[in-house]
Each structure stands twice: as structure tokens, then as C-alpha cells.
Amino acid sequence: MLTDQLISVQEFCGYHQLDIAFILTLEQHGLVQLIAVEQTYYIEPDAVGPLEKLVRLHQDLAIQPDDLDVVNELVERIESLQQQITELQNRLAFYER
């Protein structure tokens, strides 16, 4: 992938007023995948949404980077359960007609 299609970690951190070490910590925990090109780290455009979600959890709820993996997993479980509930409600509505 060409670097002009990638987002520089430095630009991302500047926009969100973060330290680059925060993103590197997330990578160490496997929460984000970075691409290194000539000693510069980049983020794929598809990874920006989930990464911003982690940034909001960190900034709004003061969750430490080391704990974000647990919180992220719980949030994903909740979203999955909500989706299952919606699907089941739709099925039930179908049979109630």
C-alpha cells in the first residue's frame, strides 16, 4: 500500500493531542496495527474508526492504555449482544404478525 493512502501516526496524534507512545502502547497490546515505512509509523484508513474509539475511551473515561484491551473487549461483547437482541426482536415481530 502506498504511503499517500496511509495516515501518519504523527498526524493522527497531533490531531487528537496524543503522545505517540500511546499509539505504540496500543500496538504492543495488539489493539492497533501499525505499518512502518522508513522509520515512520502509519495507520491504515480502515483502522482509524476503531482507533478513535479507543482514544475516546482513554480521554473521556481516563482508562489507561494497559486496560483498554479489557474495556474494548467488553464493549465489543455488548455491541454483539445488542445486535443479537435486535435480530431476535425482528424475528419475534415477524412471528407476532
PDB file of N, CA and C in Angstrom:
ATOM      1  N   MET A   1       0.844  -1.176   0.000  1.00  0.00           N
ATOM      2  CA  MET A   1       0.000   0.000   0.000  1.00  0.00           C
ATOM      3  C   MET A   1       0.886   1.234   0.000  1.00  0.00           C
ATOM      4  N   LEU A   2       0.534   2.206  -0.777  1.00  0.00           N
ATOM      5  CA  LEU A   2       1.305   3.435  -0.876  1.00  0.00           C
ATOM      6  C   LEU A   2       1.128   4.281   0.378  1.00  0.00           C
ATOM      7  N   THR A   3       2.186   4.992   0.755  1.00  0.00           N
ATOM      8  CA  THR A   3       2.117   5.802   1.973  1.00  0.00           C
ATOM      9  C   THR A   3       1.168   6.989   1.843  1.00  0.00           C
ATOM     10  N   ASP A   4       0.843   7.403   0.607  1.00  0.00           N
ATOM     11  CA  ASP A   4      -0.103   8.518   0.460  1.00  0.00           C
ATOM     12  C   ASP A   4      -1.532   8.076   0.786  1.00  0.00           C
ATOM     13  N   GLN A   5      -1.761   6.772   0.871  1.00  0.00           N
ATOM     14  CA  GLN A   5      -3.073   6.248   1.251  1.00  0.00           C
ATOM     15  C   GLN A   5      -3.140   5.961   2.747  1.00  0.00           C
ATOM     16  N   LEU A   6      -2.026   6.073   3.439  1.00  0.00           N
ATOM     17  CA  LEU A   6      -1.947   5.791   4.867  1.00  0.00           C
ATOM     18  C   LEU A   6      -1.981   7.089   5.665  1.00  0.00           C
ATOM     19  N   ILE A   7      -2.286   6.953   6.934  1.00  0.00           N
ATOM     20  CA  ILE A   7      -2.339   8.114   7.825  1.00  0.00           C
ATOM     21  C   ILE A   7      -1.146   8.034   8.773  1.00  0.00           C
ATOM     22  N   SER A   8      -0.383   9.075   8.812  1.00  0.00           N
ATOM     23  CA  SER A   8       0.792   9.124   9.679  1.00  0.00           C
ATOM     24  C   SER A   8       0.349   9.138  11.143  1.00  0.00           C
ATOM     25  N   VAL A   9       1.027   8.334  11.962  1.00  0.00           N
ATOM     26  CA  VAL A   9       0.725   8.313  13.395  1.00  0.00           C
ATOM     27  C   VAL A   9       0.992   9.692  13.989  1.00  0.00           C
ATOM     28  N   GLN A  10       2.014  10.358  13.494  1.00  0.00           N
ATOM     29  CA  GLN A  10       2.333  11.694  13.990  1.00  0.00           C
ATOM     30  C   GLN A  10       1.186  12.670  13.712  1.00  0.00           C
ATOM     31  N   GLU A  11       0.598  12.609  12.514  1.00  0.00           N
ATOM     32  CA  GLU A  11      -0.536  13.475  12.188  1.00  0.00           C
ATOM     33  C   GLU A  11      -1.749  13.119  13.043  1.00  0.00           C
ATOM     34  N   PHE A  12      -2.006  11.825  13.195  1.00  0.00           N
ATOM     35  CA  PHE A  12      -3.140  11.370  13.996  1.00  0.00           C
ATOM     36  C   PHE A  12      -3.001  11.866  15.432  1.00  0.00           C
ATOM     37  N   CYS A  13      -1.811  11.702  15.997  1.00  0.00           N
ATOM     38  CA  CYS A  13      -1.580  12.132  17.377  1.00  0.00           C
ATOM     39  C   CYS A  13      -1.660  13.649  17.509  1.00  0.00           C
ATOM     40  N   GLY A  14      -1.186  14.365  16.522  1.00  0.00           N
ATOM     41  CA  GLY A  14      -1.290  15.821  16.554  1.00  0.00           C
ATOM     42  C   GLY A  14      -2.744  16.275  16.532  1.00  0.00           C
ATOM     43  N   TYR A  15      -3.543  15.631  15.706  1.00  0.00           N
ATOM     44  CA  TYR A  15      -4.959  15.993  15.597  1.00  0.00           C
ATOM     45  C   TYR A  15      -5.709  15.706  16.900  1.00  0.00           C
ATOM     46  N   HIS A  16      -5.391  14.563  17.527  1.00  0.00           N
ATOM     47  CA  HIS A  16      -6.091  14.147  18.748  1.00  0.00           C
ATOM     48  C   HIS A  16      -5.361  14.566  20.024  1.00  0.00           C
ATOM     49  N   GLN A  17      -4.287  15.318  19.888  1.00  0.00           N
ATOM     50  CA  GLN A  17      -3.486  15.792  21.017  1.00  0.00           C
ATOM     51  C   GLN A  17      -3.051  14.630  21.908  1.00  0.00           C
ATOM     52  N   LEU A  18      -2.414  13.643  21.272  1.00  0.00           N
ATOM     53  CA  LEU A  18      -1.925  12.457  21.956  1.00  0.00           C
ATOM     54  C   LEU A  18      -0.412  12.370  21.855  1.00  0.00           C
ATOM     55  N   ASP A  19       0.151  11.604  22.754  1.00  0.00           N
ATOM     56  CA  ASP A  19       1.560  11.274  22.666  1.00  0.00           C
ATOM     57  C   ASP A  19       1.694  10.028  21.792  1.00  0.00           C
ATOM     58  N   ILE A  20       2.706   9.983  20.964  1.00  0.00           N
ATOM     59  CA  ILE A  20       2.901   8.844  20.068  1.00  0.00           C
ATOM     60  C   ILE A  20       3.092   7.557  20.865  1.00  0.00           C
ATOM     61  N   ALA A  21       3.633   7.672  22.069  1.00  0.00           N
ATOM     62  CA  ALA A  21       3.831   6.496  22.926  1.00  0.00           C
ATOM     63  C   ALA A  21       2.507   5.794  23.216  1.00  0.00           C
ATOM     64  N   PHE A  22       1.406   6.556  23.257  1.00  0.00           N
ATOM     65  CA  PHE A  22       0.083   5.962  23.493  1.00  0.00           C
ATOM     66  C   PHE A  22      -0.264   4.992  22.364  1.00  0.00           C
ATOM     67  N   ILE A  23      -0.051   5.401  21.131  1.00  0.00           N
ATOM     68  CA  ILE A  23      -0.353   4.548  19.981  1.00  0.00           C
ATOM     69  C   ILE A  23       0.576   3.337  19.964  1.00  0.00           C
ATOM     70  N   LEU A  24       1.823   3.537  20.299  1.00  0.00           N
ATOM     71  CA  LEU A  24       2.767   2.425  20.339  1.00  0.00           C
ATOM     72  C   LEU A  24       2.390   1.415  21.425  1.00  0.00           C
ATOM     73  N   THR A  25       1.867   1.905  22.543  1.00  0.00           N
ATOM     74  CA  THR A  25       1.395   1.009  23.603  1.00  0.00           C
ATOM     75  C   THR A  25       0.200   0.199  23.117  1.00  0.00           C
ATOM     76  N   LEU A  26      -0.693   0.842  22.383  1.00  0.00           N
ATOM     77  CA  LEU A  26      -1.843   0.112  21.834  1.00  0.00           C
ATOM     78  C   LEU A  26      -1.380  -0.972  20.863  1.00  0.00           C
ATOM     79  N   GLU A  27      -0.352  -0.676  20.103  1.00  0.00           N
ATOM     80  CA  GLU A  27       0.172  -1.685  19.176  1.00  0.00           C
ATOM     81  C   GLU A  27       0.779  -2.851  19.942  1.00  0.00           C
ATOM     82  N   GLN A  28       1.475  -2.573  21.029  1.00  0.00           N
ATOM     83  CA  GLN A  28       2.073  -3.636  21.835  1.00  0.00           C
ATOM     84  C   GLN A  28       1.009  -4.572  22.398  1.00  0.00           C
ATOM     85  N   HIS A  29      -0.160  -4.023  22.708  1.00  0.00           N
ATOM     86  CA  HIS A  29      -1.260  -4.835  23.242  1.00  0.00           C
ATOM     87  C   HIS A  29      -2.101  -5.467  22.151  1.00  0.00           C
ATOM     88  N   GLY A  30      -1.758  -5.214  20.895  1.00  0.00           N
ATOM     89  CA  GLY A  30      -2.471  -5.811  19.777  1.00  0.00           C
ATOM     90  C   GLY A  30      -3.792  -5.146  19.453  1.00  0.00           C
ATOM     91  N   LEU A  31      -3.984  -3.917  19.907  1.00  0.00           N
ATOM     92  CA  LEU A  31      -5.238  -3.215  19.668  1.00  0.00           C
ATOM     93  C   LEU A  31      -5.246  -2.441  18.361  1.00  0.00           C
ATOM     94  N   VAL A  32      -4.078  -2.181  17.820  1.00  0.00           N
ATOM     95  CA  VAL A  32      -3.965  -1.458  16.554  1.00  0.00           C
ATOM     96  C   VAL A  32      -2.753  -2.021  15.809  1.00  0.00           C
ATOM     97  N   GLN A  33      -2.856  -2.027  14.505  1.00  0.00           N
ATOM     98  CA  GLN A  33      -1.749  -2.498  13.686  1.00  0.00           C
ATOM     99  C   GLN A  33      -1.137  -1.307  12.965  1.00  0.00           C
ATOM    100  N   LEU A  34       0.142  -1.122  13.180  1.00  0.00           N
ATOM    101  CA  LEU A  34       0.856  -0.017  12.541  1.00  0.00           C
ATOM    102  C   LEU A  34       1.712  -0.551  11.407  1.00  0.00           C
ATOM    103  N   ILE A  35       1.936   0.310  10.443  1.00  0.00           N
ATOM    104  CA  ILE A  35       2.788  -0.020   9.304  1.00  0.00           C
ATOM    105  C   ILE A  35       4.003   0.902   9.376  1.00  0.00           C
ATOM    106  N   ALA A  36       5.183   0.307   9.415  1.00  0.00           N
ATOM    107  CA  ALA A  36       6.415   1.088   9.492  1.00  0.00           C
ATOM    108  C   ALA A  36       7.021   1.211   8.099  1.00  0.00           C
ATOM    109  N   VAL A  37       7.247   2.455   7.679  1.00  0.00           N
ATOM    110  CA  VAL A  37       7.889   2.738   6.402  1.00  0.00           C
ATOM    111  C   VAL A  37       8.959   3.790   6.670  1.00  0.00           C
ATOM    112  N   GLU A  38      10.205   3.391   6.475  1.00  0.00           N
ATOM    113  CA  GLU A  38      11.333   4.309   6.654  1.00  0.00           C
ATOM    114  C   GLU A  38      11.277   5.028   8.001  1.00  0.00           C
ATOM    115  N   GLN A  39      11.180   4.292   9.063  1.00  0.00           N
ATOM    116  CA  GLN A  39      11.174   4.781  10.442  1.00  0.00           C
ATOM    117  C   GLN A  39      10.002   5.713  10.749  1.00  0.00           C
ATOM    118  N   THR A  40       8.954   5.641   9.980  1.00  0.00           N
ATOM    119  CA  THR A  40       7.725   6.396  10.246  1.00  0.00           C
ATOM    120  C   THR A  40       6.589   5.395  10.348  1.00  0.00           C
ATOM    121  N   TYR A  41       5.756   5.576  11.352  1.00  0.00           N
ATOM    122  CA  TYR A  41       4.621   4.681  11.542  1.00  0.00           C
ATOM    123  C   TYR A  41       3.375   5.265  10.893  1.00  0.00           C
ATOM    124  N   TYR A  42       2.583   4.355  10.304  1.00  0.00           N
ATOM    125  CA  TYR A  42       1.347   4.749   9.633  1.00  0.00           C
ATOM    126  C   TYR A  42       0.200   3.858  10.099  1.00  0.00           C
ATOM    127  N   ILE A  43      -1.013   4.383   9.909  1.00  0.00           N
ATOM    128  CA  ILE A  43      -2.242   3.660  10.228  1.00  0.00           C
ATOM    129  C   ILE A  43      -3.026   3.517   8.933  1.00  0.00           C
ATOM    130  N   GLU A  44      -3.619   2.353   8.733  1.00  0.00           N
ATOM    131  CA  GLU A  44      -4.481   2.168   7.569  1.00  0.00           C
ATOM    132  C   GLU A  44      -5.770   2.949   7.781  1.00  0.00           C
ATOM    133  N   PRO A  45      -6.359   3.499   6.729  1.00  0.00           N
ATOM    134  CA  PRO A  45      -7.598   4.281   6.868  1.00  0.00           C
ATOM    135  C   PRO A  45      -8.737   3.494   7.521  1.00  0.00           C
ATOM    136  N   ASP A  46      -8.811   2.189   7.289  1.00  0.00           N
ATOM    137  CA  ASP A  46      -9.870   1.374   7.893  1.00  0.00           C
ATOM    138  C   ASP A  46      -9.724   1.248   9.403  1.00  0.00           C
ATOM    139  N   ALA A  47      -8.523   1.462   9.919  1.00  0.00           N
ATOM    140  CA  ALA A  47      -8.268   1.301  11.349  1.00  0.00           C
ATOM    141  C   ALA A  47      -8.515   2.586  12.137  1.00  0.00           C
ATOM    142  N   VAL A  48      -8.812   3.674  11.448  1.00  0.00           N
ATOM    143  CA  VAL A  48      -8.973   4.956  12.132  1.00  0.00           C
ATOM    144  C   VAL A  48     -10.203   4.958  13.042  1.00  0.00           C
ATOM    145  N   GLY A  49     -11.327   4.435  12.569  1.00  0.00           N
ATOM    146  CA  GLY A  49     -12.545   4.412  13.392  1.00  0.00           C
ATOM    147  C   GLY A  49     -12.357   3.680  14.707  1.00  0.00           C
ATOM    148  N   PRO A  50     -11.907   2.414  14.671  1.00  0.00           N
ATOM    149  CA  PRO A  50     -11.664   1.699  15.935  1.00  0.00           C
ATOM    150  C   PRO A  50     -10.608   2.376  16.810  1.00  0.00           C
ATOM    151  N   LEU A  51      -9.605   2.971  16.189  1.00  0.00           N
ATOM    152  CA  LEU A  51      -8.568   3.652  16.964  1.00  0.00           C
ATOM    153  C   LEU A  51      -9.140   4.887  17.650  1.00  0.00           C
ATOM    154  N   GLU A  52      -9.978   5.634  16.957  1.00  0.00           N
ATOM    155  CA  GLU A  52     -10.607   6.807  17.573  1.00  0.00           C
ATOM    156  C   GLU A  52     -11.518   6.397  18.723  1.00  0.00           C
ATOM    157  N   LYS A  53     -12.147   5.250  18.603  1.00  0.00           N
ATOM    158  CA  LYS A  53     -12.976   4.727  19.691  1.00  0.00           C
ATOM    159  C   LYS A  53     -12.112   4.480  20.937  1.00  0.00           C
ATOM    160  N   LEU A  54     -10.933   3.902  20.744  1.00  0.00           N
ATOM    161  CA  LEU A  54     -10.021   3.671  21.862  1.00  0.00           C
ATOM    162  C   LEU A  54      -9.524   4.991  22.448  1.00  0.00           C
ATOM    163  N   VAL A  55      -9.279   5.963  21.597  1.00  0.00           N
ATOM    164  CA  VAL A  55      -8.829   7.281  22.061  1.00  0.00           C
ATOM    165  C   VAL A  55      -9.914   7.926  22.917  1.00  0.00           C
ATOM    166  N   ARG A  56     -11.172   7.830  22.473  1.00  0.00           N
ATOM    167  CA  ARG A  56     -12.271   8.410  23.262  1.00  0.00           C
ATOM    168  C   ARG A  56     -12.403   7.719  24.612  1.00  0.00           C
ATOM    169  N   LEU A  57     -12.273   6.394  24.646  1.00  0.00           N
ATOM    170  CA  LEU A  57     -12.324   5.681  25.924  1.00  0.00           C
ATOM    171  C   LEU A  57     -11.202   6.166  26.841  1.00  0.00           C
ATOM    172  N   HIS A  58     -10.044   6.348  26.280  1.00  0.00           N
ATOM    173  CA  HIS A  58      -8.885   6.803  27.062  1.00  0.00           C
ATOM    174  C   HIS A  58      -9.085   8.226  27.574  1.00  0.00           C
ATOM    175  N   GLN A  59      -9.529   9.110  26.704  1.00  0.00           N
ATOM    176  CA  GLN A  59      -9.646  10.517  27.083  1.00  0.00           C
ATOM    177  C   GLN A  59     -10.892  10.798  27.922  1.00  0.00           C
ATOM    178  N   ASP A  60     -12.040  10.262  27.525  1.00  0.00           N
ATOM    179  CA  ASP A  60     -13.291  10.585  28.208  1.00  0.00           C
ATOM    180  C   ASP A  60     -13.442   9.872  29.544  1.00  0.00           C
ATOM    181  N   LEU A  61     -12.980   8.626  29.610  1.00  0.00           N
ATOM    182  CA  LEU A  61     -13.162   7.833  30.826  1.00  0.00           C
ATOM    183  C   LEU A  61     -11.872   7.640  31.616  1.00  0.00           C
ATOM    184  N   ALA A  62     -10.786   8.236  31.143  1.00  0.00           N
ATOM    185  CA  ALA A  62      -9.485   8.152  31.804  1.00  0.00           C
ATOM    186  C   ALA A  62      -9.044   6.702  32.000  1.00  0.00           C
ATOM    187  N   ILE A  63      -9.268   5.883  30.987  1.00  0.00           N
ATOM    188  CA  ILE A  63      -8.838   4.485  31.039  1.00  0.00           C
ATOM    189  C   ILE A  63      -7.403   4.422  30.551  1.00  0.00           C
ATOM    190  N   GLN A  64      -6.575   3.776  31.311  1.00  0.00           N
ATOM    191  CA  GLN A  64      -5.158   3.667  30.969  1.00  0.00           C
ATOM    192  C   GLN A  64      -4.966   2.763  29.744  1.00  0.00           C
ATOM    193  N   PRO A  65      -3.948   3.034  28.950  1.00  0.00           N
ATOM    194  CA  PRO A  65      -3.712   2.225  27.743  1.00  0.00           C
ATOM    195  C   PRO A  65      -3.580   0.730  28.038  1.00  0.00           C
ATOM    196  N   ASP A  66      -3.013   0.390  29.185  1.00  0.00           N
ATOM    197  CA  ASP A  66      -2.855  -1.022  29.538  1.00  0.00           C
ATOM    198  C   ASP A  66      -4.192  -1.707  29.799  1.00  0.00           C
ATOM    199  N   ASP A  67      -5.207  -0.946  30.171  1.00  0.00           N
ATOM    200  CA  ASP A  67      -6.525  -1.514  30.478  1.00  0.00           C
ATOM    201  C   ASP A  67      -7.493  -1.448  29.302  1.00  0.00           C
ATOM    202  N   LEU A  68      -7.123  -0.760  28.246  1.00  0.00           N
ATOM    203  CA  LEU A  68      -8.022  -0.575  27.112  1.00  0.00           C
ATOM    204  C   LEU A  68      -8.379  -1.883  26.416  1.00  0.00           C
ATOM    205  N   ASP A  69      -7.480  -2.863  26.441  1.00  0.00           N
ATOM    206  CA  ASP A  69      -7.799  -4.130  25.779  1.00  0.00           C
ATOM    207  C   ASP A  69      -8.974  -4.819  26.448  1.00  0.00           C
ATOM    208  N   VAL A  70      -9.041  -4.781  27.774  1.00  0.00           N
ATOM    209  CA  VAL A  70     -10.151  -5.399  28.504  1.00  0.00           C
ATOM    210  C   VAL A  70     -11.439  -4.627  28.240  1.00  0.00           C
ATOM    211  N   VAL A  71     -11.375  -3.311  28.342  1.00  0.00           N
ATOM    212  CA  VAL A  71     -12.563  -2.481  28.129  1.00  0.00           C
ATOM    213  C   VAL A  71     -13.048  -2.620  26.689  1.00  0.00           C
ATOM    214  N   ASN A  72     -12.137  -2.643  25.737  1.00  0.00           N
ATOM    215  CA  ASN A  72     -12.508  -2.785  24.333  1.00  0.00           C
ATOM    216  C   ASN A  72     -13.211  -4.119  24.091  1.00  0.00           C
ATOM    217  N   GLU A  73     -12.708  -5.179  24.696  1.00  0.00           N
ATOM    218  CA  GLU A  73     -13.350  -6.485  24.543  1.00  0.00           C
ATOM    219  C   GLU A  73     -14.766  -6.475  25.128  1.00  0.00           C
ATOM    220  N   LEU A  74     -14.940  -5.841  26.271  1.00  0.00           N
ATOM    221  CA  LEU A  74     -16.272  -5.756  26.877  1.00  0.00           C
ATOM    222  C   LEU A  74     -17.230  -4.938  26.019  1.00  0.00           C
ATOM    223  N   VAL A  75     -16.748  -3.835  25.458  1.00  0.00           N
ATOM    224  CA  VAL A  75     -17.582  -3.002  24.584  1.00  0.00           C
ATOM    225  C   VAL A  75     -17.994  -3.799  23.347  1.00  0.00           C
ATOM    226  N   GLU A  76     -17.059  -4.554  22.777  1.00  0.00           N
ATOM    227  CA  GLU A  76     -17.385  -5.376  21.610  1.00  0.00           C
ATOM    228  C   GLU A  76     -18.414  -6.442  21.947  1.00  0.00           C
ATOM    229  N   ARG A  77     -18.304  -7.032  23.138  1.00  0.00           N
ATOM    230  CA  ARG A  77     -19.303  -8.033  23.570  1.00  0.00           C
ATOM    231  C   ARG A  77     -20.683  -7.397  23.701  1.00  0.00           C
ATOM    232  N   ILE A  78     -20.722  -6.214  24.292  1.00  0.00           N
ATOM    233  CA  ILE A  78     -22.002  -5.515  24.460  1.00  0.00           C
ATOM    234  C   ILE A  78     -22.618  -5.206  23.101  1.00  0.00           C
ATOM    235  N   GLU A  79     -21.811  -4.715  22.165  1.00  0.00           N
ATOM    236  CA  GLU A  79     -22.321  -4.405  20.829  1.00  0.00           C
ATOM    237  C   GLU A  79     -22.828  -5.659  20.133  1.00  0.00           C
ATOM    238  N   SER A  80     -22.128  -6.768  20.307  1.00  0.00           N
ATOM    239  CA  SER A  80     -22.560  -8.037  19.718  1.00  0.00           C
ATOM    240  C   SER A  80     -23.890  -8.486  20.326  1.00  0.00           C
ATOM    241  N   LEU A  81     -24.015  -8.381  21.639  1.00  0.00           N
ATOM    242  CA  LEU A  81     -25.266  -8.762  22.304  1.00  0.00           C
ATOM    243  C   LEU A  81     -26.418  -7.860  21.875  1.00  0.00           C
ATOM    244  N   GLN A  82     -26.141  -6.567  21.705  1.00  0.00           N
ATOM    245  CA  GLN A  82     -27.190  -5.659  21.245  1.00  0.00           C
ATOM    246  C   GLN A  82     -27.648  -6.022  19.843  1.00  0.00           C
ATOM    247  N   GLN A  83     -26.711  -6.417  19.000  1.00  0.00           N
ATOM    248  CA  GLN A  83     -27.064  -6.836  17.646  1.00  0.00           C
ATOM    249  C   GLN A  83     -27.913  -8.110  17.691  1.00  0.00           C
ATOM    250  N   GLN A  84     -27.558  -9.049  18.549  1.00  0.00           N
ATOM    251  CA  GLN A  84     -28.339 -10.280  18.690  1.00  0.00           C
ATOM    252  C   GLN A  84     -29.749  -9.979  19.185  1.00  0.00           C
ATOM    253  N   ILE A  85     -29.867  -9.051  20.122  1.00  0.00           N
ATOM    254  CA  ILE A  85     -31.188  -8.675  20.638  1.00  0.00           C
ATOM    255  C   ILE A  85     -32.042  -8.086  19.525  1.00  0.00           C
ATOM    256  N   THR A  86     -31.457  -7.219  18.718  1.00  0.00           N
ATOM    257  CA  THR A  86     -32.189  -6.605  17.602  1.00  0.00           C
ATOM    258  C   THR A  86     -32.659  -7.677  16.626  1.00  0.00           C
ATOM    259  N   GLU A  87     -31.778  -8.617  16.300  1.00  0.00           N
ATOM    260  CA  GLU A  87     -32.154  -9.697  15.386  1.00  0.00           C
ATOM    261  C   GLU A  87     -33.288 -10.543  15.964  1.00  0.00           C
ATOM    262  N   LEU A  88     -33.208 -10.851  17.237  1.00  0.00           N
ATOM    263  CA  LEU A  88     -34.257 -11.653  17.873  1.00  0.00           C
ATOM    264  C   LEU A  88     -35.576 -10.890  17.952  1.00  0.00           C
ATOM    265  N   GLN A  89     -35.512  -9.595  18.205  1.00  0.00           N
ATOM    266  CA  GLN A  89     -36.730  -8.788  18.221  1.00  0.00           C
ATOM    267  C   GLN A  89     -37.370  -8.736  16.846  1.00  0.00           C
ATOM    268  N   ASN A  90     -36.542  -8.648  15.812  1.00  0.00           N
ATOM    269  CA  ASN A  90     -37.076  -8.653  14.446  1.00  0.00           C
ATOM    270  C   ASN A  90     -37.738  -9.984  14.129  1.00  0.00           C
ATOM    271  N   ARG A  91     -37.138 -11.089  14.543  1.00  0.00           N
ATOM    272  CA  ARG A  91     -37.741 -12.410  14.331  1.00  0.00           C
ATOM    273  C   ARG A  91     -39.060 -12.537  15.074  1.00  0.00           C
ATOM    274  N   LEU A  92     -39.057 -12.082  16.306  1.00  0.00           N
ATOM    275  CA  LEU A  92     -40.272 -12.154  17.110  1.00  0.00           C
ATOM    276  C   LEU A  92     -41.382 -11.316  16.507  1.00  0.00           C
ATOM    277  N   ALA A  93     -41.040 -10.145  16.020  1.00  0.00           N
ATOM    278  CA  ALA A  93     -42.037  -9.291  15.382  1.00  0.00           C
ATOM    279  C   ALA A  93     -42.603  -9.967  14.148  1.00  0.00           C
ATOM    280  N   PHE A  94     -41.800 -10.710  13.433  1.00  0.00           N
ATOM    281  CA  PHE A  94     -42.261 -11.428  12.252  1.00  0.00           C
ATOM    282  C   PHE A  94     -43.307 -12.474  12.631  1.00  0.00           C
ATOM    283  N   TYR A  95     -43.065 -13.209  13.700  1.00  0.00           N
ATOM    284  CA  TYR A  95     -43.987 -14.278  14.103  1.00  0.00           C
ATOM    285  C   TYR A  95     -45.214 -13.753  14.836  1.00  0.00           C
ATOM    286  N   GLU A  96     -45.127 -12.557  15.386  1.00  0.00           N
ATOM    287  CA  GLU A  96     -46.284 -11.984  16.079  1.00  0.00           C
ATOM    288  C   GLU A  96     -47.312 -11.446  15.104  1.00  0.00           C
ATOM    289  N   ARG A  97     -46.933 -11.203  13.873  1.00  0.00           N
ATOM    290  CA  ARG A  97     -47.873 -10.680  12.884  1.00  0.00           C
ATOM    291  C   ARG A  97     -48.875 -11.683  12.565  1.00  0.00           C
TER     292      ARG A  97
END
